[in-house]
Amino acid sequence: MGIPSYLNPDSPQKKGRRREKKATQTINSGTLHFDPRDIKVTETDENYLVDTKDVSLQKSFKLNLDDIEKFYKQSKTKTPVYLIYIGDYVVKAIIQRNYHK
C-alpha cells in the first residue's frame, strides 16, 4: 500500500502551494522596475492574497462570479490577486469591488 496522496511531494495540493509561494515572490517581475503594469508584492508583503490557476494546457478558462466573491471574502483585509497561467501567458488579475453602480 502506498503513501496517502497528501504526503506525496508531487501532490496537486503541494504543487499549488509551491506555485502560490513562488507567484507571491515573483509577481512584480516585469521588464522594468517602474513598469506601471506590475503588481508590487514582495515575499514578506502581507497585503496580498494570491490564488493561482494553472490551465496552461487548456485553450480557455472560466472564472465565475461565485468564485470571485468567495475569494474576495476570504481575503478579508488583503488585496486578492489571481494569477492564471494559460498557454504561454500569465494573467495577473487584482480583484476589487466596484462601488460605482
Protein backbone atom coordinates (compact mmCIF):
# COMPACT_ATOMS: atom_id res chain seq x y z
CA MET A 1 0.00 0.00 0.00
CA GLY A 2 1.40 3.41 -0.99
CA ILE A 3 1.54 6.61 0.95
CA PRO A 4 -1.54 8.88 1.08
CA SER A 5 -1.67 11.39 -1.78
CA TYR A 6 -1.43 14.39 0.55
CA LEU A 7 2.01 13.15 1.73
CA ASN A 8 3.31 12.86 -1.82
CA PRO A 9 5.65 15.81 -2.56
CA ASP A 10 4.16 15.98 -6.08
CA SER A 11 0.53 16.06 -4.95
CA PRO A 12 -1.64 18.73 -6.63
CA GLN A 13 -2.13 20.50 -3.29
CA LYS A 14 1.62 20.76 -2.60
CA LYS A 15 2.35 21.81 -6.18
CA GLY A 16 -0.32 24.51 -5.85
CA ARG A 17 1.12 25.81 -2.56
CA ARG A 18 4.64 25.94 -4.06
CA ARG A 19 3.29 27.74 -7.14
CA GLU A 20 1.43 30.28 -4.98
CA LYS A 21 4.55 30.95 -2.86
CA LYS A 22 6.67 31.44 -5.98
CA ALA A 23 3.98 33.63 -7.55
CA THR A 24 3.88 35.86 -4.48
CA GLN A 25 7.66 36.22 -4.63
CA THR A 26 7.80 36.99 -8.34
CA ILE A 27 4.53 38.77 -9.07
CA ASN A 28 6.39 42.04 -9.69
CA SER A 29 8.80 40.52 -12.21
CA GLY A 30 8.10 42.95 -15.04
CA THR A 31 10.70 44.13 -17.51
CA LEU A 32 11.31 47.41 -15.73
CA HIS A 33 11.08 48.09 -12.01
CA PHE A 34 8.91 51.14 -12.64
CA ASP A 35 6.53 49.41 -15.05
CA PRO A 36 3.04 50.61 -14.00
CA ARG A 37 1.51 47.28 -15.05
CA ASP A 38 3.42 45.43 -12.33
CA ILE A 39 1.71 44.37 -9.17
CA LYS A 40 4.15 45.26 -6.40
CA VAL A 41 4.43 42.35 -3.98
CA THR A 42 7.44 41.07 -2.06
CA GLU A 43 7.96 37.77 -0.31
CA THR A 44 7.10 39.32 3.05
CA ASP A 45 4.32 41.62 1.82
CA GLU A 46 1.21 40.72 3.76
CA ASN A 47 -1.06 42.98 1.68
CA TYR A 48 -1.92 40.39 -1.00
CA LEU A 49 -3.65 37.04 -1.03
CA VAL A 50 -2.58 35.20 -4.19
CA ASP A 51 -4.51 32.35 -5.82
CA THR A 52 -3.01 30.63 -8.84
CA LYS A 53 -4.80 28.72 -11.56
CA ASP A 54 -2.66 26.57 -13.86
CA VAL A 55 -4.61 25.90 -17.03
CA SER A 56 -1.58 26.17 -19.30
CA LEU A 57 -2.62 23.19 -21.43
CA GLN A 58 -6.16 24.47 -21.97
CA LYS A 59 -7.32 26.98 -24.57
CA SER A 60 -9.87 28.63 -22.31
CA PHE A 61 -10.64 29.12 -18.64
CA LYS A 62 -13.90 30.12 -16.97
CA LEU A 63 -13.93 32.16 -13.79
CA ASN A 64 -17.41 32.76 -12.42
CA LEU A 65 -18.77 35.43 -10.10
CA ASP A 66 -19.27 32.94 -7.24
CA ASP A 67 -15.54 32.09 -7.30
CA ILE A 68 -14.58 35.76 -7.34
CA GLU A 69 -16.93 36.64 -4.46
CA LYS A 70 -15.70 33.71 -2.38
CA PHE A 71 -12.04 34.66 -2.92
CA TYR A 72 -12.81 38.35 -2.22
CA LYS A 73 -14.46 37.44 1.11
CA GLN A 74 -11.58 35.09 2.05
CA SER A 75 -9.03 37.85 1.55
CA LYS A 76 -10.54 39.97 4.36
CA THR A 77 -8.06 42.87 4.75
CA LYS A 78 -5.69 41.72 1.97
CA THR A 79 -5.95 42.51 -1.73
CA PRO A 80 -6.98 39.35 -3.64
CA VAL A 81 -4.93 38.59 -6.77
CA TYR A 82 -5.46 35.79 -9.29
CA LEU A 83 -2.53 34.53 -11.35
CA ILE A 84 -3.88 32.47 -14.23
CA TYR A 85 -1.30 30.50 -16.20
CA ILE A 86 -2.85 29.83 -19.60
CA GLY A 87 -0.92 28.79 -22.71
CA ASP A 88 2.29 30.82 -22.82
CA TYR A 89 0.78 33.66 -20.75
CA VAL A 90 0.24 34.68 -17.15
CA VAL A 91 -2.84 36.79 -16.44
CA LYS A 92 -2.48 38.92 -13.29
CA ALA A 93 -5.90 39.95 -12.00
CA ILE A 94 -6.49 42.17 -8.98
CA ILE A 95 -9.97 41.73 -7.53
CA GLN A 96 -11.63 44.95 -6.40
CA ARG A 97 -15.25 45.67 -5.57
CA ASN A 98 -16.97 48.08 -7.92
CA TYR A 99 -18.79 50.68 -5.83
CA HIS A 100 -19.72 52.84 -8.85
CA LYS A 101 -23.02 51.15 -9.69
